[in-house]
Amino acid sequence: MTPAQLLQAARYWGLTIATAESCTGGMVAVALTDVAGSSDVFERGFVTYSNDAKVEMLGIRRETLAAHGAVSEEIAREMAEGALRHSRATLAVSITGIAGPGGSEFKPEGRVCFGIAREGRATRTETVEFGALGRDKVRRAARDHALQLLAGAMTP
């Protein structure tokens, strides 16, 4: 589904969208706002690259950061839910990961965690191992995956 089709589906279902992005640095928000007329559906985007930004802008708990690290499904969940709490949106997607270069034995390059939160529904999370494709390709793959998660969360 293209960003234009995703926005049209959100209009159809009466949804508004927020994004909470870390490793993609706002790429999902850009993909949506590149479509003319998106302002009736796209409510806001949070670019929370640092841990402090995640805490201050989205209400992520420092205890969760200490226990699981920024690249975790637990943080992706809190980011998506925080985007809903701190906006007027009814649907939010979050992204946190290691685009590269680098990574570690426990959190390798290309690991990206996603959250999808919608009012009245349980928040879902998942981790995708894109692999060491290089920073640009991991970020683009994460953007595209997040758009597909939004599309999949549209229907009742």
Protein backbone atom coordinates (compact mmCIF):
# COMPACT_ATOMS: atom_id res chain seq x y z
CA MET A 1 0.00 0.00 0.00
CA THR A 2 1.43 3.38 -0.96
CA PRO A 3 1.45 6.28 1.52
CA ALA A 4 -1.38 7.90 -0.47
CA GLN A 5 -3.46 4.72 -0.24
CA LEU A 6 -2.68 4.40 3.45
CA LEU A 7 -3.89 7.97 4.08
CA GLN A 8 -7.04 7.29 2.06
CA ALA A 9 -7.73 4.17 4.15
CA ALA A 10 -7.22 6.18 7.36
CA ARG A 11 -9.76 8.74 6.09
CA TYR A 12 -12.21 5.96 5.30
CA TRP A 13 -11.91 4.46 8.79
CA GLY A 14 -11.83 7.86 10.54
CA LEU A 15 -8.32 7.38 11.94
CA THR A 16 -5.57 9.88 12.63
CA ILE A 17 -1.92 8.88 12.75
CA ALA A 18 1.09 9.70 14.91
CA THR A 19 4.61 8.35 14.54
CA ALA A 20 7.31 7.81 17.17
CA GLU A 21 10.62 7.27 15.42
CA SER A 22 14.16 6.72 16.57
CA CYS A 23 16.49 5.08 14.04
CA THR A 24 14.46 6.30 11.06
CA GLY A 25 14.70 9.92 12.19
CA GLY A 26 11.27 10.90 10.87
CA MET A 27 11.26 8.99 7.58
CA VAL A 28 7.77 7.59 8.16
CA ALA A 29 6.43 11.06 8.88
CA VAL A 30 8.11 12.35 5.72
CA ALA A 31 6.62 9.54 3.62
CA LEU A 32 3.14 10.42 4.86
CA THR A 33 3.48 14.20 4.67
CA ASP A 34 4.96 14.04 1.17
CA VAL A 35 1.36 13.33 0.10
CA ALA A 36 -0.61 16.52 -0.51
CA GLY A 37 -3.56 16.84 1.84
CA SER A 38 -2.15 14.53 4.48
CA SER A 39 -2.76 17.04 7.29
CA ASP A 40 -6.32 15.78 7.84
CA VAL A 41 -4.95 12.33 8.77
CA PHE A 42 -1.35 12.79 9.92
CA GLU A 43 -1.58 14.29 13.42
CA ARG A 44 2.08 14.53 14.44
CA GLY A 45 5.44 12.84 14.51
CA PHE A 46 7.89 12.42 17.36
CA VAL A 47 11.57 11.99 16.49
CA THR A 48 13.05 10.69 19.71
CA TYR A 49 16.58 9.75 18.81
CA SER A 50 18.05 10.01 22.30
CA ASN A 51 16.88 8.16 25.39
CA ASP A 52 16.17 11.49 27.09
CA ALA A 53 13.90 12.48 24.20
CA LYS A 54 12.03 9.19 24.53
CA VAL A 55 11.48 9.88 28.24
CA GLU A 56 10.62 13.57 27.90
CA MET A 57 8.44 13.47 24.76
CA LEU A 58 6.79 10.05 25.01
CA GLY A 59 6.89 9.23 28.71
CA ILE A 60 9.10 6.15 28.34
CA ARG A 61 10.03 4.80 31.74
CA ARG A 62 13.72 4.93 32.62
CA GLU A 63 13.26 1.58 34.37
CA THR A 64 12.25 0.02 31.05
CA LEU A 65 15.28 1.54 29.35
CA ALA A 66 17.57 0.22 32.08
CA ALA A 67 16.04 -3.26 32.00
CA HIS A 68 15.72 -3.76 28.22
CA GLY A 69 17.65 -1.04 26.39
CA ALA A 70 16.33 1.36 23.77
CA VAL A 71 16.24 -1.31 21.06
CA SER A 72 13.59 -3.61 22.48
CA GLU A 73 9.96 -4.47 21.98
CA GLU A 74 9.26 -3.13 25.47
CA ILE A 75 10.49 0.33 24.42
CA ALA A 76 8.70 0.08 21.07
CA ARG A 77 5.46 -0.60 23.01
CA GLU A 78 5.99 2.37 25.32
CA MET A 79 6.88 4.61 22.37
CA ALA A 80 3.72 3.73 20.43
CA GLU A 81 1.49 4.08 23.48
CA GLY A 82 3.26 7.32 24.43
CA ALA A 83 2.62 8.72 20.94
CA LEU A 84 -1.10 8.12 21.45
CA ARG A 85 -1.08 9.63 24.95
CA HIS A 86 0.83 12.73 23.82
CA SER A 87 -1.23 13.43 20.71
CA ARG A 88 -4.77 13.48 19.42
CA ALA A 89 -4.07 10.53 17.11
CA THR A 90 -6.01 7.27 17.22
CA LEU A 91 -3.29 5.12 15.62
CA ALA A 92 0.46 5.22 16.22
CA VAL A 93 3.51 3.37 15.00
CA SER A 94 6.91 3.32 16.67
CA ILE A 95 10.36 2.35 15.46
CA THR A 96 13.55 1.82 17.44
CA GLY A 97 16.57 -0.03 16.16
CA ILE A 98 20.18 -0.26 15.12
CA ALA A 99 20.52 0.99 11.55
CA GLY A 100 24.28 0.78 11.62
CA PRO A 101 27.09 0.77 11.26
CA GLY A 102 27.86 -1.30 14.28
CA GLY A 103 25.78 -3.19 16.75
CA SER A 104 26.74 -5.85 19.23
CA GLU A 105 26.56 -9.57 19.77
CA PHE A 106 23.26 -9.09 21.61
CA LYS A 107 21.78 -6.33 19.43
CA PRO A 108 23.13 -6.67 15.90
CA GLU A 109 23.04 -4.12 13.13
CA GLY A 110 19.75 -4.28 11.30
CA ARG A 111 17.62 -5.22 14.33
CA VAL A 112 14.55 -2.98 14.45
CA CYS A 113 11.67 -3.14 16.92
CA PHE A 114 8.21 -1.84 16.04
CA GLY A 115 5.09 -1.01 18.00
CA ILE A 116 1.60 -0.38 16.70
CA ALA A 117 -0.98 1.14 19.04
CA ARG A 118 -4.61 1.94 18.29
CA GLU A 119 -7.25 3.29 20.62
CA GLY A 120 -9.36 0.49 22.04
CA ARG A 121 -6.99 -2.29 20.99
CA ALA A 122 -4.06 -4.11 22.50
CA THR A 123 -0.69 -2.74 21.41
CA ARG A 124 1.33 -5.10 19.22
CA THR A 125 5.10 -5.28 18.93
CA GLU A 126 7.51 -7.15 16.73
CA THR A 127 11.20 -7.31 15.93
CA VAL A 128 12.55 -7.57 12.40
CA GLU A 129 16.12 -8.61 11.68
CA PHE A 130 16.88 -6.77 8.44
CA GLY A 131 20.56 -7.73 8.68
CA ALA A 132 23.66 -5.63 8.04
CA LEU A 133 22.36 -4.10 4.81
CA GLY A 134 23.95 -0.74 5.53
CA ARG A 135 22.45 2.23 7.32
CA ASP A 136 20.45 3.65 4.42
CA LYS A 137 18.87 0.33 3.41
CA VAL A 138 17.97 -0.61 7.00
CA ARG A 139 16.31 2.77 7.53
CA ARG A 140 14.34 2.53 4.29
CA ALA A 141 13.29 -1.05 5.05
CA ALA A 142 12.17 0.01 8.54
CA ARG A 143 10.18 2.93 7.09
CA ASP A 144 8.44 0.64 4.61
CA HIS A 145 7.69 -1.97 7.27
CA ALA A 146 6.20 0.68 9.56
CA LEU A 147 3.94 1.89 6.74
CA GLN A 148 2.74 -1.68 6.23
CA LEU A 149 2.06 -2.05 9.97
CA LEU A 150 -0.07 1.11 9.84
CA ALA A 151 -1.95 -0.23 6.83
CA GLY A 152 -2.58 -3.55 8.56
CA ALA A 153 -3.98 -1.81 11.65
CA MET A 154 -6.63 0.12 9.72
CA THR A 155 -9.51 -2.32 9.50
CA PRO A 156 -11.84 -3.06 12.42
